[in-house]
């Protein structure tokens, strides 16, 4: 059972206290491919409808990067039912489909095909092919709260919160915190919990 730790307000967001002040077992999302092979991504993810449409617009590029464990059939990339969720633009989202026991976009090595091809695409400034909540994981939002996704609890050491873990969560999840809080918000969060500005190299790695 996780101990209650005071939450922290940063701009319009409330950050779960244990997430901000906690530690993790592994090296964090930047090393996830080596430590867990994308196990938490296998069930798929919900994406906004604009994100789905952007992915389908690059279908030919995605198909050329798939391996034999994936399907080039775009009708099998997403679930058929659209869900209501106020955390998404327009209050609507749709799930990526599970194909061959994993997310349709996860390759045999546990890596996201969307992320792999993204650097080679001519995307507009600030536009990403990899969906927002995939980049934010293992952080999630619930209305105005930023929380640790319980899906990761006890699954793999790479991202799991642990009282005696070697890596401060504020460092391990630097890139993910910045996705939602921005650079200034992240530095405010660090100051609030008494950490020096800047953080570790984890916050300066290539955007996920």
C-alpha atoms as a PDB file:
ATOM      1  CA  UNK A   1       0.000   0.000   0.000  1.00  0.00           C
ATOM      2  CA  UNK A   2       1.288   3.445  -0.909  1.00  0.00           C
ATOM      3  CA  UNK A   3       1.665   6.017   1.868  1.00  0.00           C
ATOM      4  CA  UNK A   4      -0.253   9.303   1.495  1.00  0.00           C
ATOM      5  CA  UNK A   5       2.022  12.208   0.574  1.00  0.00           C
ATOM      6  CA  UNK A   6       0.800  15.784   0.155  1.00  0.00           C
ATOM      7  CA  UNK A   7      -0.030  16.731  -3.413  1.00  0.00           C
ATOM      8  CA  UNK A   8       1.636  19.722  -5.109  1.00  0.00           C
ATOM      9  CA  UNK A   9      -0.083  22.420  -7.144  1.00  0.00           C
ATOM     10  CA  UNK A  10       1.814  23.565 -10.261  1.00  0.00           C
ATOM     11  CA  UNK A  11      -0.020  26.036 -12.457  1.00  0.00           C
ATOM     12  CA  UNK A  12      -3.348  24.468 -13.338  1.00  0.00           C
ATOM     13  CA  UNK A  13      -2.193  20.967 -12.386  1.00  0.00           C
ATOM     14  CA  UNK A  14      -2.141  19.014  -9.125  1.00  0.00           C
ATOM     15  CA  UNK A  15       0.789  16.588  -9.053  1.00  0.00           C
ATOM     16  CA  UNK A  16       0.426  13.447  -6.939  1.00  0.00           C
ATOM     17  CA  UNK A  17       2.734  13.900  -3.951  1.00  0.00           C
ATOM     18  CA  UNK A  18       4.229  10.409  -3.994  1.00  0.00           C
ATOM     19  CA  UNK A  19       4.938  10.717  -7.691  1.00  0.00           C
ATOM     20  CA  UNK A  20       6.850  13.973  -7.242  1.00  0.00           C
ATOM     21  CA  UNK A  21       8.740  12.951  -4.097  1.00  0.00           C
ATOM     22  CA  UNK A  22       9.096   9.219  -4.708  1.00  0.00           C
ATOM     23  CA  UNK A  23      11.860   7.038  -6.062  1.00  0.00           C
ATOM     24  CA  UNK A  24      11.797   4.267  -8.650  1.00  0.00           C
ATOM     25  CA  UNK A  25      13.373   0.837  -8.902  1.00  0.00           C
ATOM     26  CA  UNK A  26      15.001   1.222 -12.307  1.00  0.00           C
ATOM     27  CA  UNK A  27      16.435   3.932 -14.536  1.00  0.00           C
ATOM     28  CA  UNK A  28      13.084   5.217 -15.755  1.00  0.00           C
ATOM     29  CA  UNK A  29      11.305   5.409 -19.122  1.00  0.00           C
ATOM     30  CA  UNK A  30      14.492   6.370 -21.005  1.00  0.00           C
ATOM     31  CA  UNK A  31      15.787   2.846 -20.320  1.00  0.00           C
ATOM     32  CA  UNK A  32      12.454   1.031 -20.555  1.00  0.00           C
ATOM     33  CA  UNK A  33      13.304  -0.872 -23.739  1.00  0.00           C
ATOM     34  CA  UNK A  34      16.311  -2.467 -22.032  1.00  0.00           C
ATOM     35  CA  UNK A  35      14.609  -3.191 -18.709  1.00  0.00           C
ATOM     36  CA  UNK A  36      11.131  -4.313 -19.737  1.00  0.00           C
ATOM     37  CA  UNK A  37      10.763  -4.456 -23.520  1.00  0.00           C
ATOM     38  CA  UNK A  38       7.606  -2.333 -23.571  1.00  0.00           C
ATOM     39  CA  UNK A  39       5.528  -4.743 -21.482  1.00  0.00           C
ATOM     40  CA  UNK A  40       3.214  -2.012 -20.203  1.00  0.00           C
ATOM     41  CA  UNK A  41       2.495  -0.883 -23.787  1.00  0.00           C
ATOM     42  CA  UNK A  42       1.237  -4.257 -24.932  1.00  0.00           C
ATOM     43  CA  UNK A  43      -2.384  -3.646 -23.967  1.00  0.00           C
ATOM     44  CA  UNK A  44      -2.644  -0.611 -26.275  1.00  0.00           C
ATOM     45  CA  UNK A  45      -3.514   2.982 -25.393  1.00  0.00           C
ATOM     46  CA  UNK A  46      -6.322   5.460 -25.879  1.00  0.00           C
ATOM     47  CA  UNK A  47      -5.590   8.262 -28.340  1.00  0.00           C
ATOM     48  CA  UNK A  48      -7.492  11.351 -29.394  1.00  0.00           C
ATOM     49  CA  UNK A  49      -9.345  11.260 -32.702  1.00  0.00           C
ATOM     50  CA  UNK A  50      -6.968  13.853 -34.261  1.00  0.00           C
ATOM     51  CA  UNK A  51      -4.032  11.628 -33.216  1.00  0.00           C
ATOM     52  CA  UNK A  52      -5.704   8.618 -34.861  1.00  0.00           C
ATOM     53  CA  UNK A  53      -6.263  10.603 -38.050  1.00  0.00           C
ATOM     54  CA  UNK A  54      -2.638  11.786 -38.108  1.00  0.00           C
ATOM     55  CA  UNK A  55      -1.402   8.203 -37.747  1.00  0.00           C
ATOM     56  CA  UNK A  56      -3.637   7.028 -40.589  1.00  0.00           C
ATOM     57  CA  UNK A  57      -2.396   9.905 -42.756  1.00  0.00           C
ATOM     58  CA  UNK A  58       1.112   8.411 -42.470  1.00  0.00           C
ATOM     59  CA  UNK A  59      -0.065   4.828 -42.980  1.00  0.00           C
ATOM     60  CA  UNK A  60       2.240   4.139 -45.910  1.00  0.00           C
ATOM     61  CA  UNK A  61       5.321   5.226 -43.950  1.00  0.00           C
ATOM     62  CA  UNK A  62       4.233   3.206 -40.914  1.00  0.00           C
ATOM     63  CA  UNK A  63       3.521   0.104 -42.988  1.00  0.00           C
ATOM     64  CA  UNK A  64       7.018   0.194 -44.473  1.00  0.00           C
ATOM     65  CA  UNK A  65       8.513   0.057 -40.952  1.00  0.00           C
ATOM     66  CA  UNK A  66       6.430  -2.810 -39.553  1.00  0.00           C
ATOM     67  CA  UNK A  67       7.890  -6.249 -38.870  1.00  0.00           C
ATOM     68  CA  UNK A  68       6.301  -9.675 -39.303  1.00  0.00           C
ATOM     69  CA  UNK A  69       4.694  -9.554 -35.840  1.00  0.00           C
ATOM     70  CA  UNK A  70       2.563  -6.567 -36.890  1.00  0.00           C
ATOM     71  CA  UNK A  71      -0.202  -6.062 -39.429  1.00  0.00           C
ATOM     72  CA  UNK A  72      -0.216  -3.581 -42.333  1.00  0.00           C
ATOM     73  CA  UNK A  73      -4.041  -3.698 -42.374  1.00  0.00           C
ATOM     74  CA  UNK A  74      -5.052  -0.234 -41.128  1.00  0.00           C
ATOM     75  CA  UNK A  75      -8.518  -1.508 -40.202  1.00  0.00           C
ATOM     76  CA  UNK A  76      -6.820  -3.555 -37.461  1.00  0.00           C
ATOM     77  CA  UNK A  77      -4.834  -0.691 -35.951  1.00  0.00           C
ATOM     78  CA  UNK A  78      -7.638   0.798 -33.830  1.00  0.00           C
ATOM     79  CA  UNK A  79     -10.637  -0.472 -31.905  1.00  0.00           C
ATOM     80  CA  UNK A  80     -14.037   0.168 -33.451  1.00  0.00           C
ATOM     81  CA  UNK A  81     -15.693   1.898 -30.508  1.00  0.00           C
ATOM     82  CA  UNK A  82     -15.149   5.578 -29.725  1.00  0.00           C
ATOM     83  CA  UNK A  83     -15.107   6.360 -25.987  1.00  0.00           C
ATOM     84  CA  UNK A  84     -16.016   9.513 -24.063  1.00  0.00           C
ATOM     85  CA  UNK A  85     -13.226  10.916 -21.882  1.00  0.00           C
ATOM     86  CA  UNK A  86     -12.853  14.575 -20.928  1.00  0.00           C
ATOM     87  CA  UNK A  87      -9.062  14.250 -20.742  1.00  0.00           C
ATOM     88  CA  UNK A  88      -8.988  14.170 -24.566  1.00  0.00           C
ATOM     89  CA  UNK A  89      -9.671  16.996 -27.053  1.00  0.00           C
ATOM     90  CA  UNK A  90     -13.370  17.081 -27.823  1.00  0.00           C
ATOM     91  CA  UNK A  91     -14.012  14.628 -24.998  1.00  0.00           C
ATOM     92  CA  UNK A  92     -13.553  11.620 -27.305  1.00  0.00           C
ATOM     93  CA  UNK A  93     -10.882   8.942 -27.692  1.00  0.00           C
ATOM     94  CA  UNK A  94     -10.291   5.561 -29.294  1.00  0.00           C
ATOM     95  CA  UNK A  95      -8.053   2.659 -28.321  1.00  0.00           C
ATOM     96  CA  UNK A  96      -5.210   1.263 -30.375  1.00  0.00           C
ATOM     97  CA  UNK A  97      -5.964  -2.366 -31.138  1.00  0.00           C
ATOM     98  CA  UNK A  98      -4.153  -5.336 -29.662  1.00  0.00           C
ATOM     99  CA  UNK A  99      -2.757  -7.494 -32.460  1.00  0.00           C
ATOM    100  CA  UNK A 100      -0.683 -10.624 -31.960  1.00  0.00           C
ATOM    101  CA  UNK A 101      -0.834 -10.116 -28.185  1.00  0.00           C
ATOM    102  CA  UNK A 102       0.448  -6.522 -28.178  1.00  0.00           C
ATOM    103  CA  UNK A 103      -0.375  -3.011 -29.319  1.00  0.00           C
ATOM    104  CA  UNK A 104      -0.600  -2.934 -33.110  1.00  0.00           C
ATOM    105  CA  UNK A 105       2.253  -0.410 -33.209  1.00  0.00           C
ATOM    106  CA  UNK A 106       4.624  -2.314 -30.893  1.00  0.00           C
ATOM    107  CA  UNK A 107       7.254  -4.295 -32.786  1.00  0.00           C
ATOM    108  CA  UNK A 108       8.809  -7.620 -31.847  1.00  0.00           C
ATOM    109  CA  UNK A 109      11.562  -5.848 -29.884  1.00  0.00           C
ATOM    110  CA  UNK A 110       9.062  -4.008 -27.688  1.00  0.00           C
ATOM    111  CA  UNK A 111       9.653  -0.671 -29.437  1.00  0.00           C
ATOM    112  CA  UNK A 112       7.023   1.731 -30.765  1.00  0.00           C
ATOM    113  CA  UNK A 113       7.030   1.905 -34.556  1.00  0.00           C
ATOM    114  CA  UNK A 114       5.494   5.379 -34.437  1.00  0.00           C
ATOM    115  CA  UNK A 115       8.363   6.652 -32.336  1.00  0.00           C
ATOM    116  CA  UNK A 116      10.973   4.937 -34.513  1.00  0.00           C
ATOM    117  CA  UNK A 117       9.862   6.585 -37.758  1.00  0.00           C
ATOM    118  CA  UNK A 118       8.963   9.977 -36.286  1.00  0.00           C
ATOM    119  CA  UNK A 119      12.411  11.587 -36.803  1.00  0.00           C
ATOM    120  CA  UNK A 120      12.233  10.844 -40.540  1.00  0.00           C
ATOM    121  CA  UNK A 121       8.843  12.490 -41.070  1.00  0.00           C
ATOM    122  CA  UNK A 122       8.319  16.075 -42.159  1.00  0.00           C
ATOM    123  CA  UNK A 123       6.110  16.996 -39.213  1.00  0.00           C
ATOM    124  CA  UNK A 124       5.078  20.546 -38.401  1.00  0.00           C
ATOM    125  CA  UNK A 125       6.752  22.281 -35.436  1.00  0.00           C
ATOM    126  CA  UNK A 126       5.431  20.791 -32.198  1.00  0.00           C
ATOM    127  CA  UNK A 127       3.543  18.016 -33.990  1.00  0.00           C
ATOM    128  CA  UNK A 128       4.177  14.421 -32.980  1.00  0.00           C
ATOM    129  CA  UNK A 129       3.132  11.068 -34.421  1.00  0.00           C
ATOM    130  CA  UNK A 130       3.486   9.199 -31.133  1.00  0.00           C
ATOM    131  CA  UNK A 131       0.300   9.956 -29.136  1.00  0.00           C
ATOM    132  CA  UNK A 132       0.462  12.264 -26.131  1.00  0.00           C
ATOM    133  CA  UNK A 133      -0.420   9.701 -23.467  1.00  0.00           C
ATOM    134  CA  UNK A 134       2.163   7.283 -24.857  1.00  0.00           C
ATOM    135  CA  UNK A 135       4.801   9.978 -24.428  1.00  0.00           C
ATOM    136  CA  UNK A 136       3.504  10.829 -20.947  1.00  0.00           C
ATOM    137  CA  UNK A 137       3.463   7.209 -19.692  1.00  0.00           C
ATOM    138  CA  UNK A 138       3.887   6.083 -16.911  1.00  0.00           C
ATOM    139  CA  UNK A 139       2.369   9.423 -15.885  1.00  0.00           C
ATOM    140  CA  UNK A 140      -1.337   9.877 -16.524  1.00  0.00           C
ATOM    141  CA  UNK A 141      -3.807  12.727 -16.080  1.00  0.00           C
ATOM    142  CA  UNK A 142      -7.252  12.655 -14.517  1.00  0.00           C
ATOM    143  CA  UNK A 143      -8.902  16.011 -15.154  1.00  0.00           C
ATOM    144  CA  UNK A 144      -6.419  18.394 -13.454  1.00  0.00           C
ATOM    145  CA  UNK A 145      -4.343  15.736 -11.651  1.00  0.00           C
ATOM    146  CA  UNK A 146      -1.007  14.267 -12.746  1.00  0.00           C
ATOM    147  CA  UNK A 147      -0.593  10.782 -11.305  1.00  0.00           C
ATOM    148  CA  UNK A 148       1.489   7.632 -11.544  1.00  0.00           C
ATOM    149  CA  UNK A 149      -0.263   4.975 -13.623  1.00  0.00           C
ATOM    150  CA  UNK A 150      -1.114   2.082 -11.306  1.00  0.00           C
ATOM    151  CA  UNK A 151      -0.758  -0.213 -14.316  1.00  0.00           C
ATOM    152  CA  UNK A 152       2.997  -0.078 -13.662  1.00  0.00           C
ATOM    153  CA  UNK A 153       2.792  -1.067 -10.008  1.00  0.00           C
ATOM    154  CA  UNK A 154       4.953  -4.147  -9.492  1.00  0.00           C
ATOM    155  CA  UNK A 155       5.097  -4.986 -13.216  1.00  0.00           C
ATOM    156  CA  UNK A 156       8.714  -4.185 -14.085  1.00  0.00           C
ATOM    157  CA  UNK A 157      11.556  -2.386 -12.319  1.00  0.00           C
ATOM    158  CA  UNK A 158      12.077   0.215 -15.042  1.00  0.00           C
ATOM    159  CA  UNK A 159       9.341   2.633 -13.965  1.00  0.00           C
ATOM    160  CA  UNK A 160       7.785   1.292 -10.762  1.00  0.00           C
ATOM    161  CA  UNK A 161       7.653   3.603  -7.740  1.00  0.00           C
ATOM    162  CA  UNK A 162       9.612   2.214  -4.789  1.00  0.00           C
ATOM    163  CA  UNK A 163      10.367   3.728  -1.387  1.00  0.00           C
ATOM    164  CA  UNK A 164      13.982   2.513  -1.491  1.00  0.00           C
ATOM    165  CA  UNK A 165      14.605   2.813  -5.234  1.00  0.00           C
ATOM    166  CA  UNK A 166      17.925   4.233  -6.466  1.00  0.00           C
ATOM    167  CA  UNK A 167      16.477   6.901  -8.794  1.00  0.00           C
ATOM    168  CA  UNK A 168      14.454   9.980  -7.758  1.00  0.00           C
ATOM    169  CA  UNK A 169      11.183  10.061  -9.677  1.00  0.00           C
ATOM    170  CA  UNK A 170      11.628  13.787 -10.312  1.00  0.00           C
ATOM    171  CA  UNK A 171      14.743  12.902 -12.357  1.00  0.00           C
ATOM    172  CA  UNK A 172      13.541   9.655 -13.933  1.00  0.00           C
ATOM    173  CA  UNK A 173      10.308  11.221 -15.205  1.00  0.00           C
ATOM    174  CA  UNK A 174      11.792  14.601 -16.145  1.00  0.00           C
ATOM    175  CA  UNK A 175      10.823  14.403 -19.830  1.00  0.00           C
ATOM    176  CA  UNK A 176       7.336  13.191 -18.941  1.00  0.00           C
ATOM    177  CA  UNK A 177       6.787  15.945 -16.344  1.00  0.00           C
ATOM    178  CA  UNK A 178       7.863  18.512 -18.936  1.00  0.00           C
ATOM    179  CA  UNK A 179       5.357  17.132 -21.450  1.00  0.00           C
ATOM    180  CA  UNK A 180       2.506  18.203 -19.195  1.00  0.00           C
ATOM    181  CA  UNK A 181       3.945  20.960 -16.944  1.00  0.00           C
ATOM    182  CA  UNK A 182       6.356  22.611 -19.366  1.00  0.00           C
ATOM    183  CA  UNK A 183       9.937  23.575 -18.524  1.00  0.00           C
ATOM    184  CA  UNK A 184       8.963  26.296 -16.041  1.00  0.00           C
ATOM    185  CA  UNK A 185       6.395  24.104 -14.334  1.00  0.00           C
ATOM    186  CA  UNK A 186       8.920  21.301 -13.991  1.00  0.00           C
ATOM    187  CA  UNK A 187      11.464  23.621 -12.383  1.00  0.00           C
ATOM    188  CA  UNK A 188       8.763  24.904 -10.019  1.00  0.00           C
ATOM    189  CA  UNK A 189       8.005  21.318  -9.046  1.00  0.00           C
ATOM    190  CA  UNK A 190      11.687  20.680  -8.347  1.00  0.00           C
ATOM    191  CA  UNK A 191      11.923  23.777  -6.164  1.00  0.00           C
ATOM    192  CA  UNK A 192       8.789  22.806  -4.250  1.00  0.00           C
ATOM    193  CA  UNK A 193      10.230  19.444  -3.226  1.00  0.00           C
ATOM    194  CA  UNK A 194      13.650  20.966  -2.485  1.00  0.00           C
ATOM    195  CA  UNK A 195      15.560  19.641  -5.488  1.00  0.00           C
ATOM    196  CA  UNK A 196      18.158  21.805  -7.276  1.00  0.00           C
ATOM    197  CA  UNK A 197      17.242  23.249 -10.657  1.00  0.00           C
ATOM    198  CA  UNK A 198      18.108  21.447 -13.873  1.00  0.00           C
ATOM    199  CA  UNK A 199      17.813  17.830 -12.803  1.00  0.00           C
ATOM    200  CA  UNK A 200      19.586  14.850 -14.294  1.00  0.00           C
ATOM    201  CA  UNK A 201      20.316  13.952 -17.913  1.00  0.00           C
ATOM    202  CA  UNK A 202      16.962  12.166 -17.903  1.00  0.00           C
ATOM    203  CA  UNK A 203      15.290  15.510 -18.466  1.00  0.00           C
ATOM    204  CA  UNK A 204      17.499  16.311 -21.450  1.00  0.00           C
ATOM    205  CA  UNK A 205      17.180  13.076 -23.381  1.00  0.00           C
ATOM    206  CA  UNK A 206      15.566  12.973 -26.790  1.00  0.00           C
ATOM    207  CA  UNK A 207      11.814  13.513 -26.476  1.00  0.00           C
ATOM    208  CA  UNK A 208       9.897  10.255 -26.227  1.00  0.00           C
END
